[in-house]
């Protein structure tokens, strides 16, 4: 039986990134295989061209080329389109409209005042001292937030703070003040929306390289008790290799979806437990006709749990983004219950709208191969946590990649995954090739 040099588990951006590093070796090569549990590649970057057809590509998960500066790996494969644009959470009255819960448009003056109040509150997190005991972002800002006497202003400030929860896919009660904003890795926040979908771009990148991928291979066990590692799948197939590169999402690590022998060291288990892993879902609803201003990109409804709709007028569609505990509650409901709630909420604003004709609802928390969306810094985690997540175990035979391990850059993004996979791919190549560029394994 063949003994592979490396088995990569997971064909999301990290697994693809490692494979690309292996394929870039022209004078030498290693024998490797990528095992992917799904019937497709891309992981949490998936563009659906089935539900609504190939002319309506919808991203179930990751949607933007984030941090799309020139040295972003994704940029070299991106073909610009006149329909692409940079998304922004900053209020722009030419493309955004904000309603209160009664359907009244909130005036710009109050919106700008609320934005400033929220920025002032969050400044305390941005300047939080390293030597102080960590607290949640919620606990840091809540006293001042509740002191706001104007109820309309307070509600709108809460909505502004909810943008943070949507961005981090986690509740403010979970988020670390000390690590607030550190997930960006000192890169500018800039999200480029691309017409054909980010999942399509990831598939395009993978297709440029002849990666050896085996789909529908659900890994259940990794046995690194000996020098040769044994990887077993759900259908009782097994593979032998010298190294394993584990790139599955943090949610799967938290649930112990793969049995690892000998068991993980305590420091690795602790890092997996400490690191935050959030949930962001989308509710796409399509209508028979357009009932909102076609120039809008965002519609926000201010409620106890504010609703953020992204407008897709070319498809007669709105996309509701929901995160954290709200997203988890929604996953307990049926699609029909969720759509009915969305309809009744919008009906208060647009009384003449008709019931949606079609919808698509993501459930990343219930997905067995992700069990959530992406990582963020929760209370108890820090930069060393990310480093521990990246460190090899079992005398170097099990290596680790994924957006949650990207300690040298940002976390939580597709580019984070690629960077981490490339990091480990290069490191593994170094372990195979000595100073004289000779294969040593």
Protein backbone atom coordinates (compact mmCIF):
# COMPACT_ATOMS: atom_id res chain seq x y z
CA UNK A 1 0.00 0.00 0.00
CA UNK A 2 1.21 3.50 -0.85
CA UNK A 3 2.53 5.60 1.99
CA UNK A 4 1.80 9.24 1.27
CA UNK A 5 4.19 11.92 2.33
CA UNK A 6 1.26 14.13 3.40
CA UNK A 7 -2.49 13.67 3.79
CA UNK A 8 -4.32 17.00 3.87
CA UNK A 9 -7.67 16.77 5.63
CA UNK A 10 -10.07 19.38 4.27
CA UNK A 11 -10.21 21.10 0.89
CA UNK A 12 -11.22 24.57 1.96
CA UNK A 13 -8.91 27.53 1.40
CA UNK A 14 -6.26 26.19 3.82
CA UNK A 15 -6.10 22.76 2.21
CA UNK A 16 -6.01 24.33 -1.25
CA UNK A 17 -3.29 26.74 -0.15
CA UNK A 18 -1.07 23.91 1.08
CA UNK A 19 -1.67 21.96 -2.10
CA UNK A 20 -0.67 24.96 -4.19
CA UNK A 21 2.65 25.14 -2.34
CA UNK A 22 3.27 21.47 -3.13
CA UNK A 23 2.36 21.96 -6.79
CA UNK A 24 4.70 24.94 -7.10
CA UNK A 25 7.66 22.59 -6.60
CA UNK A 26 8.90 21.95 -10.12
CA UNK A 27 12.25 20.18 -9.63
CA UNK A 28 11.03 17.89 -6.83
CA UNK A 29 7.68 16.57 -5.75
CA UNK A 30 6.00 14.93 -2.80
CA UNK A 31 3.26 12.35 -2.79
CA UNK A 32 0.18 13.87 -1.18
CA UNK A 33 -3.60 13.60 -1.19
CA UNK A 34 -6.40 15.94 -0.08
CA UNK A 35 -9.37 14.27 1.60
CA UNK A 36 -12.57 16.34 1.54
CA UNK A 37 -15.71 15.31 3.44
CA UNK A 38 -18.11 17.20 1.20
CA UNK A 39 -19.02 16.47 -2.40
CA UNK A 40 -17.37 19.76 -3.38
CA UNK A 41 -14.32 21.84 -2.56
CA UNK A 42 -14.15 25.28 -0.97
CA UNK A 43 -15.42 24.60 2.54
CA UNK A 44 -17.16 27.67 3.92
CA UNK A 45 -16.63 29.53 0.63
CA UNK A 46 -19.43 28.12 -1.51
CA UNK A 47 -21.32 29.83 -4.31
CA UNK A 48 -24.72 28.24 -4.99
CA UNK A 49 -25.71 28.26 -8.69
CA UNK A 50 -28.36 25.57 -8.28
CA UNK A 51 -31.13 26.92 -6.06
CA UNK A 52 -31.90 29.98 -8.20
CA UNK A 53 -29.93 28.98 -11.30
CA UNK A 54 -26.49 29.76 -12.69
CA UNK A 55 -27.45 33.37 -13.43
CA UNK A 56 -28.09 34.03 -9.72
CA UNK A 57 -24.91 33.01 -7.88
CA UNK A 58 -25.37 33.21 -4.11
CA UNK A 59 -22.63 32.76 -1.52
CA UNK A 60 -23.77 30.59 1.38
CA UNK A 61 -20.78 31.60 3.48
CA UNK A 62 -17.79 33.83 2.78
CA UNK A 63 -18.76 36.51 0.28
CA UNK A 64 -16.05 39.16 0.06
CA UNK A 65 -12.46 39.42 -0.97
CA UNK A 66 -11.48 40.96 2.34
CA UNK A 67 -8.35 43.09 2.79
CA UNK A 68 -8.20 43.21 -1.00
CA UNK A 69 -4.90 45.06 -1.22
CA UNK A 70 -2.46 44.11 -3.96
CA UNK A 71 -0.53 41.48 -1.98
CA UNK A 72 -3.70 39.54 -1.14
CA UNK A 73 -3.21 36.11 -2.73
CA UNK A 74 -6.76 36.12 -4.13
CA UNK A 75 -6.19 39.29 -6.13
CA UNK A 76 -4.00 37.66 -8.77
CA UNK A 77 -6.93 35.44 -9.79
CA UNK A 78 -9.67 38.06 -9.55
CA UNK A 79 -11.06 39.45 -12.82
CA UNK A 80 -12.67 42.86 -12.15
CA UNK A 81 -16.27 43.50 -13.15
CA UNK A 82 -18.11 46.80 -13.38
CA UNK A 83 -20.74 45.30 -11.06
CA UNK A 84 -18.22 44.73 -8.23
CA UNK A 85 -18.04 47.23 -5.39
CA UNK A 86 -16.48 47.75 -1.97
CA UNK A 87 -18.97 47.07 0.83
CA UNK A 88 -19.12 49.43 3.80
CA UNK A 89 -20.86 49.52 7.18
CA UNK A 90 -20.55 53.31 7.26
CA UNK A 91 -23.87 55.01 6.72
CA UNK A 92 -24.42 56.51 3.27
CA UNK A 93 -27.88 57.99 2.69
CA UNK A 94 -27.58 57.47 -1.06
CA UNK A 95 -27.40 53.66 -0.73
CA UNK A 96 -28.69 52.91 2.78
CA UNK A 97 -31.94 53.49 4.62
CA UNK A 98 -32.69 52.86 8.29
CA UNK A 99 -36.22 52.40 9.68
CA UNK A 100 -37.44 52.26 13.25
CA UNK A 101 -39.63 49.36 14.36
CA UNK A 102 -42.79 51.29 13.43
CA UNK A 103 -41.72 51.80 9.84
CA UNK A 104 -40.62 55.43 10.09
CA UNK A 105 -37.41 56.51 8.35
CA UNK A 106 -34.80 57.59 10.88
CA UNK A 107 -33.35 60.99 10.07
CA UNK A 108 -29.70 61.47 9.14
CA UNK A 109 -29.02 63.75 12.09
CA UNK A 110 -29.95 61.06 14.61
CA UNK A 111 -28.08 58.39 12.64
CA UNK A 112 -24.89 60.46 12.65
CA UNK A 113 -25.27 61.18 16.36
CA UNK A 114 -25.75 57.49 17.12
CA UNK A 115 -22.75 56.56 14.98
CA UNK A 116 -20.56 58.95 16.95
CA UNK A 117 -21.89 57.61 20.26
CA UNK A 118 -21.13 54.05 19.22
CA UNK A 119 -17.65 55.01 18.02
CA UNK A 120 -16.98 56.73 21.34
CA UNK A 121 -18.09 53.63 23.25
CA UNK A 122 -15.93 51.33 21.13
CA UNK A 123 -12.92 53.59 21.53
CA UNK A 124 -12.64 52.20 25.06
CA UNK A 125 -12.17 48.73 23.56
CA UNK A 126 -9.68 49.97 20.97
CA UNK A 127 -7.62 51.55 23.75
CA UNK A 128 -8.09 48.78 26.30
CA UNK A 129 -4.82 48.32 28.24
CA UNK A 130 -2.96 45.05 27.84
CA UNK A 131 -2.22 44.82 31.55
CA UNK A 132 -5.89 45.10 32.58
CA UNK A 133 -8.12 42.12 33.35
CA UNK A 134 -10.06 41.27 30.21
CA UNK A 135 -13.81 41.92 30.08
CA UNK A 136 -16.36 41.47 27.34
CA UNK A 137 -17.08 44.32 24.96
CA UNK A 138 -20.65 44.28 26.28
CA UNK A 139 -19.55 44.75 29.91
CA UNK A 140 -17.14 47.48 28.85
CA UNK A 141 -19.74 49.65 27.11
CA UNK A 142 -23.05 48.70 28.71
CA UNK A 143 -23.05 51.14 31.66
CA UNK A 144 -22.56 54.14 29.37
CA UNK A 145 -24.98 52.70 26.83
CA UNK A 146 -27.77 52.34 29.38
CA UNK A 147 -27.12 55.89 30.59
CA UNK A 148 -28.36 57.28 27.26
CA UNK A 149 -31.74 58.80 28.14
CA UNK A 150 -33.10 59.26 24.61
CA UNK A 151 -34.72 55.89 23.81
CA UNK A 152 -34.55 56.37 20.01
CA UNK A 153 -30.89 57.28 20.21
CA UNK A 154 -30.15 54.35 22.51
CA UNK A 155 -31.85 51.89 20.15
CA UNK A 156 -29.89 53.23 17.22
CA UNK A 157 -26.59 53.06 19.13
CA UNK A 158 -27.37 49.42 19.92
CA UNK A 159 -27.93 48.84 16.22
CA UNK A 160 -24.53 50.34 15.45
CA UNK A 161 -22.96 48.02 18.01
CA UNK A 162 -24.79 45.10 16.41
CA UNK A 163 -22.71 45.65 13.27
CA UNK A 164 -19.77 44.46 15.37
CA UNK A 165 -21.66 41.31 16.31
CA UNK A 166 -22.49 40.67 12.67
CA UNK A 167 -18.86 41.23 11.66
CA UNK A 168 -17.51 38.92 14.38
CA UNK A 169 -20.42 36.43 14.12
CA UNK A 170 -20.54 36.54 17.92
CA UNK A 171 -22.44 38.35 20.68
CA UNK A 172 -20.74 41.29 22.38
CA UNK A 173 -20.99 39.38 25.66
CA UNK A 174 -18.55 36.86 24.16
CA UNK A 175 -16.06 39.25 22.55
CA UNK A 176 -12.79 40.20 24.24
CA UNK A 177 -12.15 43.90 24.86
CA UNK A 178 -8.42 43.35 25.06
CA UNK A 179 -8.35 41.69 21.63
CA UNK A 180 -10.96 43.94 20.01
CA UNK A 181 -10.06 44.50 16.36
CA UNK A 182 -6.97 42.29 16.53
CA UNK A 183 -8.55 39.72 14.24
CA UNK A 184 -7.84 42.00 11.29
CA UNK A 185 -4.12 41.51 11.73
CA UNK A 186 -3.37 45.23 11.25
CA UNK A 187 -4.86 45.09 7.75
CA UNK A 188 -7.35 47.74 6.59
CA UNK A 189 -10.97 46.59 6.66
CA UNK A 190 -12.09 46.56 3.04
CA UNK A 191 -14.59 44.08 1.63
CA UNK A 192 -14.84 43.68 -2.14
CA UNK A 193 -18.09 42.17 -3.40
CA UNK A 194 -17.54 40.15 -6.58
CA UNK A 195 -20.35 39.37 -8.98
CA UNK A 196 -19.74 35.67 -9.60
CA UNK A 197 -19.28 34.81 -5.93
CA UNK A 198 -16.27 34.12 -3.74
CA UNK A 199 -16.85 30.37 -3.78
CA UNK A 200 -16.64 30.48 -7.57
CA UNK A 201 -13.31 32.29 -7.33
CA UNK A 202 -11.94 29.71 -4.87
CA UNK A 203 -12.96 26.90 -7.22
CA UNK A 204 -11.30 28.77 -10.08
CA UNK A 205 -8.07 29.05 -8.08
CA UNK A 206 -8.07 25.34 -7.28
CA UNK A 207 -8.71 24.46 -10.92
CA UNK A 208 -5.49 26.26 -11.92
CA UNK A 209 -3.53 23.56 -10.11
CA UNK A 210 -3.87 19.83 -10.60
CA UNK A 211 -4.59 19.08 -6.96
CA UNK A 212 -5.16 15.41 -6.04
CA UNK A 213 -8.53 15.62 -4.25
CA UNK A 214 -10.80 12.83 -3.08
CA UNK A 215 -14.33 14.04 -2.29
CA UNK A 216 -16.92 12.40 -0.02
CA UNK A 217 -14.12 11.25 2.27
CA UNK A 218 -15.24 11.85 5.85
CA UNK A 219 -12.24 11.36 8.12
CA UNK A 220 -13.19 9.84 11.45
CA UNK A 221 -9.85 8.75 12.95
CA UNK A 222 -6.20 9.78 12.92
CA UNK A 223 -3.79 7.37 14.59
CA UNK A 224 -0.33 8.89 15.02
CA UNK A 225 0.88 6.30 17.54
CA UNK A 226 3.65 5.22 15.19
CA UNK A 227 6.02 6.87 12.74
CA UNK A 228 3.54 6.12 9.97
CA UNK A 229 0.17 7.82 10.56
CA UNK A 230 -3.06 5.99 9.75
CA UNK A 231 -6.05 8.05 8.55
CA UNK A 232 -9.44 6.29 8.49
CA UNK A 233 -12.66 7.47 6.84
CA UNK A 234 -16.31 6.83 7.61
CA UNK A 235 -16.59 4.17 4.90
CA UNK A 236 -13.65 2.29 6.49
CA UNK A 237 -11.08 3.27 3.91
CA UNK A 238 -7.68 4.04 5.37
CA UNK A 239 -4.56 5.83 4.23
CA UNK A 240 -0.99 5.76 5.51
CA UNK A 241 1.21 8.83 5.56
CA UNK A 242 4.22 10.41 7.21
CA UNK A 243 2.46 13.69 8.00
CA UNK A 244 -1.14 14.84 8.37
CA UNK A 245 -2.15 18.44 7.76
CA UNK A 246 -5.44 19.04 9.56
CA UNK A 247 -7.35 22.01 8.12
CA UNK A 248 -10.91 21.35 9.34
CA UNK A 249 -12.86 24.28 10.87
CA UNK A 250 -12.47 25.11 14.53
CA UNK A 251 -16.08 24.11 15.14
CA UNK A 252 -15.24 20.53 14.17
CA UNK A 253 -12.21 20.55 16.45
CA UNK A 254 -14.36 21.76 19.34
CA UNK A 255 -16.83 18.92 18.80
CA UNK A 256 -14.08 16.28 18.48
CA UNK A 257 -15.57 15.15 15.16
CA UNK A 258 -12.25 13.40 14.39
CA UNK A 259 -10.79 10.97 16.93
CA UNK A 260 -7.04 11.54 17.33
CA UNK A 261 -4.67 9.00 18.94
CA UNK A 262 -2.74 9.49 21.08
CA UNK A 263 -5.00 12.18 22.50
CA UNK A 264 -4.11 15.83 22.00
CA UNK A 265 -1.81 17.48 24.53
CA UNK A 266 -3.52 19.64 27.13
CA UNK A 267 -2.20 22.90 25.69
CA UNK A 268 -3.77 22.10 22.29
CA UNK A 269 -7.11 21.14 23.83
CA UNK A 270 -7.09 24.34 25.88
CA UNK A 271 -6.41 26.45 22.79
CA UNK A 272 -9.27 24.78 20.91
CA UNK A 273 -11.61 25.41 23.85
CA UNK A 274 -10.55 29.03 24.41
CA UNK A 275 -10.69 30.32 20.85
CA UNK A 276 -14.03 31.78 19.82
CA UNK A 277 -15.99 30.35 16.91
CA UNK A 278 -19.01 32.34 15.80
CA UNK A 279 -22.08 31.82 13.64
CA UNK A 280 -23.31 33.95 10.75
CA UNK A 281 -26.24 32.82 8.61
CA UNK A 282 -28.06 34.33 5.66
CA UNK A 283 -31.72 34.35 4.70
CA UNK A 284 -32.16 35.03 0.98
CA UNK A 285 -35.75 35.87 0.04
CA UNK A 286 -36.88 36.50 -3.53
CA UNK A 287 -40.02 38.43 -4.43
CA UNK A 288 -42.20 38.57 -7.52
CA UNK A 289 -41.53 42.28 -7.89
CA UNK A 290 -39.28 45.00 -6.51
CA UNK A 291 -40.92 46.97 -3.70
CA UNK A 292 -37.88 48.93 -2.48
CA UNK A 293 -35.72 51.60 -4.09
CA UNK A 294 -33.46 49.83 -6.59
CA UNK A 295 -30.56 52.15 -5.75
CA UNK A 296 -30.36 50.85 -2.16
CA UNK A 297 -27.65 48.43 -1.03
CA UNK A 298 -28.74 48.21 2.61
CA UNK A 299 -32.04 48.31 4.50
CA UNK A 300 -31.80 48.25 8.30
CA UNK A 301 -34.70 47.88 10.73
CA UNK A 302 -33.97 49.00 14.29
CA UNK A 303 -35.47 46.59 16.81
CA UNK A 304 -34.38 44.79 19.97
CA UNK A 305 -32.53 42.53 17.55
CA UNK A 306 -31.90 44.77 14.57
CA UNK A 307 -32.25 43.39 11.09
CA UNK A 308 -29.66 44.00 8.40
CA UNK A 309 -30.85 43.43 4.84
CA UNK A 310 -28.51 43.51 1.87
CA UNK A 311 -30.26 44.43 -1.36
CA UNK A 312 -29.95 42.41 -4.56
CA UNK A 313 -32.40 44.28 -6.82
CA UNK A 314 -31.19 42.56 -9.98
CA UNK A 315 -32.55 39.31 -8.49
CA UNK A 316 -35.59 40.93 -6.77
CA UNK A 317 -34.01 39.63 -3.59
CA UNK A 318 -33.11 40.72 -0.07
CA UNK A 319 -30.51 38.94 2.06
CA UNK A 320 -30.91 39.08 5.84
CA UNK A 321 -27.68 38.55 7.80
CA UNK A 322 -28.12 37.11 11.30
CA UNK A 323 -25.37 36.26 13.77
CA UNK A 324 -24.51 34.92 17.19
CA UNK A 325 -27.29 33.78 19.52
CA UNK A 326 -29.98 35.07 17.13
CA UNK A 327 -28.59 32.85 14.38
CA UNK A 328 -28.56 29.86 16.73
CA UNK A 329 -32.20 30.44 17.64
CA UNK A 330 -33.14 30.74 13.99
CA UNK A 331 -31.55 27.37 13.29
CA UNK A 332 -34.13 25.80 15.61
CA UNK A 333 -36.95 27.06 13.37
CA UNK A 334 -38.20 25.73 10.06
CA UNK A 335 -37.51 27.61 6.85
CA UNK A 336 -41.21 28.47 6.62
CA UNK A 337 -41.23 29.94 10.15
CA UNK A 338 -38.18 32.07 9.37
CA UNK A 339 -39.57 33.36 6.08
CA UNK A 340 -42.88 34.19 7.75
CA UNK A 341 -41.05 36.25 10.39
CA UNK A 342 -39.06 38.07 7.72
CA UNK A 343 -42.22 38.78 5.75
CA UNK A 344 -44.12 40.21 8.73
CA UNK A 345 -41.15 42.37 9.72
CA UNK A 346 -40.82 43.82 6.23
CA UNK A 347 -44.58 44.23 5.92
CA UNK A 348 -44.55 46.88 8.64
CA UNK A 349 -42.21 48.91 6.44
CA UNK A 350 -43.60 47.98 3.04
CA UNK A 351 -47.31 47.14 3.57
CA UNK A 352 -47.92 46.33 -0.11
CA UNK A 353 -45.22 43.69 -0.49
CA UNK A 354 -46.27 40.20 -1.55
CA UNK A 355 -45.13 36.97 0.09
CA UNK A 356 -41.71 35.75 -1.07
CA UNK A 357 -41.79 33.36 -4.02
CA UNK A 358 -38.55 31.53 -3.17
CA UNK A 359 -35.90 31.50 -0.46
CA UNK A 360 -32.60 30.06 0.66
CA UNK A 361 -31.55 29.81 4.31
CA UNK A 362 -28.08 28.81 5.47
CA UNK A 363 -27.50 26.79 8.64
CA UNK A 364 -23.75 26.72 9.24
CA UNK A 365 -24.14 25.80 12.90
CA UNK A 366 -25.94 22.60 11.94
CA UNK A 367 -23.50 21.76 9.15
CA UNK A 368 -21.50 18.74 10.40
CA UNK A 369 -18.44 19.80 8.42
CA UNK A 370 -18.21 23.34 9.82
CA UNK A 371 -20.39 23.59 12.98
CA UNK A 372 -20.21 27.37 12.81
CA UNK A 373 -18.82 30.09 10.62
CA UNK A 374 -15.43 31.55 11.59
CA UNK A 375 -13.20 32.32 14.51
CA UNK A 376 -12.92 35.46 16.61
CA UNK A 377 -11.30 36.50 19.87
CA UNK A 378 -13.63 35.58 22.71
CA UNK A 379 -12.92 36.16 26.38
CA UNK A 380 -10.03 33.98 27.46
CA UNK A 381 -8.34 33.83 24.06
CA UNK A 382 -5.36 35.83 22.86
CA UNK A 383 -2.68 35.85 20.15
CA UNK A 384 -0.86 32.99 21.89
CA UNK A 385 -4.04 30.95 21.54
CA UNK A 386 -3.81 31.28 17.77
CA UNK A 387 -0.13 30.31 17.87
CA UNK A 388 -0.97 27.23 19.94
CA UNK A 389 -3.67 26.30 17.41
CA UNK A 390 -1.01 26.40 14.69
CA UNK A 391 1.65 24.34 16.50
CA UNK A 392 2.29 20.79 15.34
CA UNK A 393 1.61 17.86 17.65
CA UNK A 394 2.55 14.18 17.91
CA UNK A 395 6.25 14.82 17.37
CA UNK A 396 5.46 16.91 14.32
CA UNK A 397 3.44 14.22 12.55
CA UNK A 398 0.17 16.20 12.81
CA UNK A 399 0.28 19.75 11.48
CA UNK A 400 -2.45 22.36 11.74
CA UNK A 401 -3.83 25.01 9.37
CA UNK A 402 -7.06 26.96 8.88
CA UNK A 403 -8.16 30.56 9.36
CA UNK A 404 -8.13 30.05 13.14
CA UNK A 405 -4.37 29.30 13.07
CA UNK A 406 -3.21 32.33 11.08
CA UNK A 407 -1.16 34.00 13.82
CA UNK A 408 0.94 36.07 11.40
CA UNK A 409 -2.05 37.80 9.82
CA UNK A 410 -5.81 38.11 10.07
CA UNK A 411 -8.15 35.39 11.32
CA UNK A 412 -11.66 34.50 10.22
CA UNK A 413 -11.27 35.08 6.49
CA UNK A 414 -10.73 33.09 3.30
CA UNK A 415 -7.39 34.85 2.79
CA UNK A 416 -6.51 33.79 6.36
CA UNK A 417 -7.10 30.18 5.39
CA UNK A 418 -4.96 30.41 2.26
CA UNK A 419 -2.13 32.07 4.19
CA UNK A 420 -2.18 29.40 6.90
CA UNK A 421 -2.21 26.55 4.38
CA UNK A 422 0.68 28.07 2.46
CA UNK A 423 2.59 28.55 5.71
CA UNK A 424 2.24 24.87 6.59
CA UNK A 425 2.88 23.76 3.03
CA UNK A 426 6.21 25.58 3.02
CA UNK A 427 7.08 24.23 6.46
CA UNK A 428 6.35 20.66 5.37
CA UNK A 429 8.46 21.11 2.26
CA UNK A 430 11.30 22.27 4.47
CA UNK A 431 10.94 19.07 6.49
CA UNK A 432 11.16 16.94 3.32
CA UNK A 433 13.99 18.72 1.53
CA UNK A 434 17.38 19.17 3.16
CA UNK A 435 19.99 21.86 2.54
CA UNK A 436 21.09 20.11 -0.61
CA UNK A 437 17.53 20.15 -1.93
CA UNK A 438 17.30 16.35 -1.68
CA UNK A 439 14.17 14.55 -0.56
CA UNK A 440 14.97 13.28 2.93
CA UNK A 441 11.85 11.32 3.82
